[in-house]
Amino acid sequence: QVQLVESGGGLVQPGGSLRLSCTVSRSIFSLFLMGWYRQAPGKERDLVASITRGLSPHYADSVKGRFTISQDNAKNTVYLQMNNLEPEDTAVYYCRIRSFPGANDYWGQGTQVTVSS
């Protein structure tokens, strides 16, 4: 069973930065898909950023230019660097991976990000 552990969430003021980490219990070198999603209270879980093998990173329009997704294969970790945070970014952030097309998805437990003054 693959496990994903997110960390790095917290309380930050508007305009601040956070870096989320998702450490995976297996090698991420050849994963088909790695992504970050978020879910605000009363809303659906939405895509924030993703890396699909062979393609450029994809970002939701609302975070383009502010968030960056990256990976460290040596640490089996996927990152989400979040800059210039806004109150609208407040949500629980989840990491998701898929090994190959059609495979099951694995999700982390989520980490809370709160942007407030």
N, C-alpha and C. Protein backbone atom coordinates (compact mmCIF):
# COMPACT_ATOMS: atom_id res chain seq x y z
N GLN A 1 0.85 -1.19 0.00
CA GLN A 1 0.00 0.00 0.00
C GLN A 1 0.89 1.25 0.00
N VAL A 2 0.67 2.11 -0.97
CA VAL A 2 1.43 3.34 -1.08
C VAL A 2 0.88 4.37 -0.09
N GLN A 3 1.76 5.06 0.60
CA GLN A 3 1.35 6.10 1.54
C GLN A 3 1.92 7.44 1.13
N LEU A 4 1.11 8.48 1.30
CA LEU A 4 1.51 9.84 1.01
C LEU A 4 1.33 10.66 2.28
N VAL A 5 2.34 11.42 2.64
CA VAL A 5 2.27 12.25 3.84
C VAL A 5 2.55 13.69 3.46
N GLU A 6 1.54 14.56 3.64
CA GLU A 6 1.70 15.98 3.35
C GLU A 6 2.16 16.72 4.61
N SER A 7 2.87 17.79 4.40
CA SER A 7 3.29 18.66 5.49
C SER A 7 3.53 20.06 4.94
N GLY A 8 3.70 21.01 5.86
CA GLY A 8 4.03 22.37 5.46
C GLY A 8 2.89 23.37 5.53
N GLY A 9 1.70 22.90 5.83
CA GLY A 9 0.59 23.83 5.94
C GLY A 9 0.69 24.67 7.19
N GLY A 10 -0.21 25.65 7.30
CA GLY A 10 -0.22 26.51 8.47
C GLY A 10 -0.99 27.78 8.23
N LEU A 11 -0.81 28.72 9.14
CA LEU A 11 -1.44 30.04 9.07
C LEU A 11 -0.43 31.05 8.53
N VAL A 12 -0.84 31.80 7.52
CA VAL A 12 0.05 32.79 6.92
C VAL A 12 -0.75 34.03 6.58
N GLN A 13 -0.11 35.18 6.60
CA GLN A 13 -0.79 36.42 6.25
C GLN A 13 -0.89 36.57 4.74
N PRO A 14 -1.86 37.31 4.27
CA PRO A 14 -1.94 37.59 2.82
C PRO A 14 -0.62 38.15 2.30
N GLY A 15 -0.21 37.65 1.14
CA GLY A 15 1.06 38.04 0.56
C GLY A 15 2.22 37.17 0.98
N GLY A 16 1.99 36.30 1.94
CA GLY A 16 3.04 35.42 2.42
C GLY A 16 3.24 34.19 1.56
N SER A 17 4.15 33.33 2.00
CA SER A 17 4.51 32.13 1.25
C SER A 17 4.51 30.90 2.15
N LEU A 18 4.24 29.77 1.53
CA LEU A 18 4.37 28.46 2.19
C LEU A 18 4.87 27.47 1.16
N ARG A 19 5.55 26.43 1.64
CA ARG A 19 5.93 25.33 0.75
C ARG A 19 5.37 24.04 1.34
N LEU A 20 4.52 23.41 0.56
CA LEU A 20 3.95 22.13 0.96
C LEU A 20 4.82 21.00 0.43
N SER A 21 4.90 19.93 1.21
CA SER A 21 5.65 18.74 0.81
C SER A 21 4.74 17.53 0.85
N CYS A 22 4.96 16.63 -0.07
CA CYS A 22 4.24 15.35 -0.11
C CYS A 22 5.28 14.26 -0.27
N THR A 23 5.52 13.53 0.79
CA THR A 23 6.51 12.46 0.75
C THR A 23 5.80 11.13 0.49
N VAL A 24 6.28 10.41 -0.51
CA VAL A 24 5.65 9.19 -0.98
C VAL A 24 6.48 7.99 -0.56
N SER A 25 5.79 6.88 -0.22
CA SER A 25 6.48 5.69 0.30
C SER A 25 7.04 4.80 -0.79
N ARG A 26 7.12 5.29 -2.01
CA ARG A 26 7.71 4.56 -3.11
C ARG A 26 8.43 5.56 -4.00
N SER A 27 9.18 5.05 -4.96
CA SER A 27 9.87 5.93 -5.89
C SER A 27 8.86 6.73 -6.72
N ILE A 28 9.15 8.02 -6.90
CA ILE A 28 8.27 8.85 -7.72
C ILE A 28 8.87 9.09 -9.09
N PHE A 29 10.02 8.51 -9.35
CA PHE A 29 10.76 8.81 -10.59
C PHE A 29 9.92 8.55 -11.83
N SER A 30 9.19 7.45 -11.86
CA SER A 30 8.48 7.07 -13.08
C SER A 30 6.97 7.20 -12.96
N LEU A 31 6.50 7.94 -11.97
CA LEU A 31 5.06 8.09 -11.81
C LEU A 31 4.43 8.74 -13.03
N PHE A 32 3.23 8.34 -13.36
CA PHE A 32 2.50 8.93 -14.48
C PHE A 32 1.94 10.30 -14.11
N LEU A 33 1.46 10.44 -12.88
CA LEU A 33 0.80 11.68 -12.48
C LEU A 33 1.10 11.99 -11.03
N MET A 34 1.40 13.25 -10.77
CA MET A 34 1.53 13.77 -9.40
C MET A 34 0.82 15.10 -9.38
N GLY A 35 0.03 15.33 -8.33
CA GLY A 35 -0.71 16.57 -8.31
C GLY A 35 -1.07 17.04 -6.92
N TRP A 36 -1.40 18.31 -6.85
CA TRP A 36 -1.93 18.94 -5.65
C TRP A 36 -3.34 19.41 -5.92
N TYR A 37 -4.21 19.15 -4.96
CA TYR A 37 -5.61 19.56 -5.03
C TYR A 37 -5.95 20.29 -3.74
N ARG A 38 -7.04 21.02 -3.75
CA ARG A 38 -7.47 21.69 -2.53
C ARG A 38 -8.98 21.68 -2.42
N GLN A 39 -9.44 21.72 -1.18
CA GLN A 39 -10.88 21.72 -0.91
C GLN A 39 -11.17 22.70 0.19
N ALA A 40 -11.93 23.73 -0.16
CA ALA A 40 -12.37 24.72 0.82
C ALA A 40 -13.69 24.26 1.42
N PRO A 41 -14.05 24.75 2.60
CA PRO A 41 -15.31 24.34 3.25
C PRO A 41 -16.51 24.57 2.34
N GLY A 42 -17.32 23.53 2.19
CA GLY A 42 -18.53 23.62 1.38
C GLY A 42 -18.31 23.58 -0.11
N LYS A 43 -17.07 23.34 -0.53
CA LYS A 43 -16.78 23.32 -1.96
C LYS A 43 -16.20 21.97 -2.36
N GLU A 44 -16.14 21.74 -3.68
CA GLU A 44 -15.57 20.51 -4.19
C GLU A 44 -14.04 20.57 -4.16
N ARG A 45 -13.43 19.41 -4.25
CA ARG A 45 -11.98 19.33 -4.33
C ARG A 45 -11.56 19.67 -5.76
N ASP A 46 -10.68 20.63 -5.89
CA ASP A 46 -10.27 21.12 -7.20
C ASP A 46 -8.77 20.94 -7.42
N LEU A 47 -8.40 20.80 -8.69
CA LEU A 47 -6.99 20.71 -9.06
C LEU A 47 -6.31 22.06 -8.85
N VAL A 48 -5.12 22.02 -8.26
CA VAL A 48 -4.29 23.22 -8.13
C VAL A 48 -3.14 23.17 -9.13
N ALA A 49 -2.41 22.07 -9.12
CA ALA A 49 -1.26 21.92 -10.00
C ALA A 49 -0.96 20.45 -10.18
N SER A 50 -0.43 20.08 -11.34
CA SER A 50 -0.12 18.68 -11.58
C SER A 50 1.04 18.54 -12.54
N ILE A 51 1.70 17.39 -12.43
CA ILE A 51 2.75 17.00 -13.36
C ILE A 51 2.34 15.67 -13.96
N THR A 52 2.17 15.62 -15.26
CA THR A 52 1.89 14.38 -15.97
C THR A 52 3.12 14.02 -16.78
N ARG A 53 3.53 12.78 -16.71
CA ARG A 53 4.76 12.33 -17.36
C ARG A 53 4.77 12.73 -18.82
N GLY A 54 5.83 13.41 -19.22
CA GLY A 54 5.98 13.80 -20.61
C GLY A 54 5.37 15.13 -20.97
N LEU A 55 4.69 15.76 -20.02
CA LEU A 55 4.03 17.04 -20.29
C LEU A 55 4.55 18.13 -19.36
N SER A 56 4.31 19.36 -19.74
CA SER A 56 4.66 20.49 -18.88
C SER A 56 3.71 20.53 -17.68
N PRO A 57 4.15 21.09 -16.57
CA PRO A 57 3.26 21.23 -15.42
C PRO A 57 2.00 22.02 -15.79
N HIS A 58 0.91 21.65 -15.15
CA HIS A 58 -0.38 22.30 -15.38
C HIS A 58 -0.83 22.98 -14.11
N TYR A 59 -1.38 24.20 -14.26
CA TYR A 59 -1.83 24.97 -13.10
C TYR A 59 -3.25 25.47 -13.31
N ALA A 60 -3.99 25.53 -12.20
CA ALA A 60 -5.28 26.20 -12.25
C ALA A 60 -5.05 27.68 -12.54
N ASP A 61 -5.97 28.29 -13.26
CA ASP A 61 -5.82 29.70 -13.63
C ASP A 61 -5.63 30.58 -12.39
N SER A 62 -6.29 30.23 -11.32
CA SER A 62 -6.25 31.07 -10.11
C SER A 62 -4.90 31.10 -9.42
N VAL A 63 -4.01 30.16 -9.76
CA VAL A 63 -2.71 30.11 -9.07
C VAL A 63 -1.54 30.33 -10.02
N LYS A 64 -1.80 30.46 -11.30
CA LYS A 64 -0.72 30.67 -12.28
C LYS A 64 0.10 31.90 -11.92
N GLY A 65 1.41 31.71 -11.96
CA GLY A 65 2.32 32.81 -11.63
C GLY A 65 2.60 32.95 -10.14
N ARG A 66 1.86 32.23 -9.31
CA ARG A 66 2.06 32.31 -7.86
C ARG A 66 2.53 30.99 -7.26
N PHE A 67 2.05 29.88 -7.82
CA PHE A 67 2.37 28.55 -7.29
C PHE A 67 3.28 27.82 -8.27
N THR A 68 4.15 26.96 -7.71
CA THR A 68 5.03 26.14 -8.54
C THR A 68 5.07 24.72 -7.98
N ILE A 69 4.82 23.74 -8.84
CA ILE A 69 4.92 22.34 -8.45
C ILE A 69 6.28 21.81 -8.91
N SER A 70 6.89 20.99 -8.06
CA SER A 70 8.18 20.42 -8.41
C SER A 70 8.34 19.08 -7.70
N GLN A 71 9.40 18.36 -8.06
CA GLN A 71 9.64 17.06 -7.46
C GLN A 71 11.11 16.87 -7.17
N ASP A 72 11.40 16.11 -6.12
CA ASP A 72 12.76 15.70 -5.79
C ASP A 72 12.75 14.17 -5.76
N ASN A 73 13.25 13.57 -6.83
CA ASN A 73 13.19 12.11 -6.94
C ASN A 73 14.03 11.43 -5.86
N ALA A 74 15.13 12.04 -5.46
CA ALA A 74 15.98 11.43 -4.45
C ALA A 74 15.28 11.35 -3.09
N LYS A 75 14.36 12.27 -2.85
CA LYS A 75 13.62 12.29 -1.58
C LYS A 75 12.20 11.76 -1.72
N ASN A 76 11.84 11.31 -2.91
CA ASN A 76 10.47 10.82 -3.17
C ASN A 76 9.43 11.83 -2.70
N THR A 77 9.67 13.08 -3.01
CA THR A 77 8.84 14.15 -2.48
C THR A 77 8.39 15.09 -3.61
N VAL A 78 7.12 15.46 -3.54
CA VAL A 78 6.54 16.44 -4.45
C VAL A 78 6.27 17.71 -3.65
N TYR A 79 6.62 18.85 -4.22
CA TYR A 79 6.48 20.12 -3.51
C TYR A 79 5.45 21.02 -4.20
N LEU A 80 4.89 21.91 -3.42
CA LEU A 80 4.07 22.99 -3.97
C LEU A 80 4.52 24.27 -3.28
N GLN A 81 5.26 25.09 -4.02
CA GLN A 81 5.68 26.39 -3.52
C GLN A 81 4.57 27.39 -3.79
N MET A 82 4.08 28.03 -2.74
CA MET A 82 2.96 28.95 -2.86
C MET A 82 3.42 30.34 -2.41
N ASN A 83 3.40 31.28 -3.34
CA ASN A 83 3.80 32.66 -3.07
C ASN A 83 2.62 33.60 -3.23
N ASN A 84 2.75 34.78 -2.64
CA ASN A 84 1.72 35.80 -2.74
C ASN A 84 0.34 35.22 -2.43
N LEU A 85 0.25 34.55 -1.31
CA LEU A 85 -0.99 33.87 -0.93
C LEU A 85 -2.11 34.85 -0.68
N GLU A 86 -3.31 34.41 -1.01
CA GLU A 86 -4.53 35.21 -0.86
C GLU A 86 -5.50 34.47 0.05
N PRO A 87 -6.41 35.21 0.70
CA PRO A 87 -7.41 34.53 1.56
C PRO A 87 -8.18 33.44 0.81
N GLU A 88 -8.37 33.62 -0.49
CA GLU A 88 -9.10 32.64 -1.29
C GLU A 88 -8.33 31.33 -1.45
N ASP A 89 -7.07 31.31 -1.08
CA ASP A 89 -6.28 30.08 -1.14
C ASP A 89 -6.48 29.21 0.09
N THR A 90 -7.22 29.70 1.06
CA THR A 90 -7.49 28.92 2.27
C THR A 90 -8.26 27.65 1.93
N ALA A 91 -7.71 26.51 2.34
CA ALA A 91 -8.31 25.21 2.03
C ALA A 91 -7.45 24.12 2.65
N VAL A 92 -7.97 22.90 2.60
CA VAL A 92 -7.14 21.73 2.88
C VAL A 92 -6.53 21.29 1.56
N TYR A 93 -5.22 21.11 1.56
CA TYR A 93 -4.49 20.75 0.36
C TYR A 93 -4.12 19.27 0.41
N TYR A 94 -4.38 18.58 -0.69
CA TYR A 94 -4.16 17.15 -0.80
C TYR A 94 -3.19 16.84 -1.93
N CYS A 95 -2.39 15.83 -1.71
CA CYS A 95 -1.48 15.31 -2.73
C CYS A 95 -2.09 14.04 -3.34
N ARG A 96 -1.90 13.88 -4.63
CA ARG A 96 -2.44 12.72 -5.34
C ARG A 96 -1.38 12.18 -6.28
N ILE A 97 -1.28 10.86 -6.38
CA ILE A 97 -0.39 10.25 -7.37
C ILE A 97 -1.12 9.12 -8.09
N ARG A 98 -0.65 8.85 -9.31
CA ARG A 98 -1.13 7.70 -10.08
C ARG A 98 0.09 7.09 -10.76
N SER A 99 0.25 5.79 -10.62
CA SER A 99 1.46 5.15 -11.13
C SER A 99 1.52 5.08 -12.65
N PHE A 100 0.40 4.74 -13.27
CA PHE A 100 0.34 4.62 -14.73
C PHE A 100 -1.11 4.86 -15.14
N PRO A 101 -1.36 5.13 -16.42
CA PRO A 101 -2.73 5.40 -16.88
C PRO A 101 -3.68 4.25 -16.53
N GLY A 102 -4.79 4.59 -15.88
CA GLY A 102 -5.76 3.58 -15.51
C GLY A 102 -5.55 2.97 -14.15
N ALA A 103 -4.43 3.29 -13.53
CA ALA A 103 -4.15 2.75 -12.19
C ALA A 103 -4.98 3.47 -11.14
N ASN A 104 -5.02 2.90 -9.96
CA ASN A 104 -5.71 3.56 -8.84
C ASN A 104 -4.95 4.82 -8.43
N ASP A 105 -5.71 5.78 -7.92
CA ASP A 105 -5.10 6.97 -7.37
C ASP A 105 -4.81 6.76 -5.88
N TYR A 106 -3.76 7.39 -5.43
CA TYR A 106 -3.46 7.42 -4.00
C TYR A 106 -3.47 8.88 -3.55
N TRP A 107 -4.06 9.09 -2.36
CA TRP A 107 -4.20 10.44 -1.82
C TRP A 107 -3.56 10.51 -0.44
N GLY A 108 -3.08 11.70 -0.12
CA GLY A 108 -2.62 11.94 1.23
C GLY A 108 -3.77 12.34 2.13
N GLN A 109 -3.44 12.61 3.39
CA GLN A 109 -4.47 12.92 4.38
C GLN A 109 -4.85 14.40 4.38
N GLY A 110 -4.07 15.22 3.72
CA GLY A 110 -4.37 16.64 3.62
C GLY A 110 -3.63 17.47 4.64
N THR A 111 -3.37 18.72 4.28
CA THR A 111 -2.75 19.68 5.20
C THR A 111 -3.47 21.01 5.06
N GLN A 112 -3.79 21.63 6.20
CA GLN A 112 -4.59 22.84 6.20
C GLN A 112 -3.72 24.06 5.92
N VAL A 113 -4.18 24.89 4.99
CA VAL A 113 -3.56 26.17 4.71
C VAL A 113 -4.60 27.26 4.98
N THR A 114 -4.25 28.19 5.86
CA THR A 114 -5.15 29.29 6.19
C THR A 114 -4.42 30.61 5.93
N VAL A 115 -5.03 31.43 5.08
CA VAL A 115 -4.46 32.73 4.74
C VAL A 115 -5.36 33.80 5.35
N SER A 116 -4.85 34.48 6.36
CA SER A 116 -5.67 35.45 7.08
C SER A 116 -4.77 36.44 7.80
N SER A 117 -5.28 37.65 7.91
CA SER A 117 -4.55 38.67 8.67
C SER A 117 -5.05 38.72 10.10
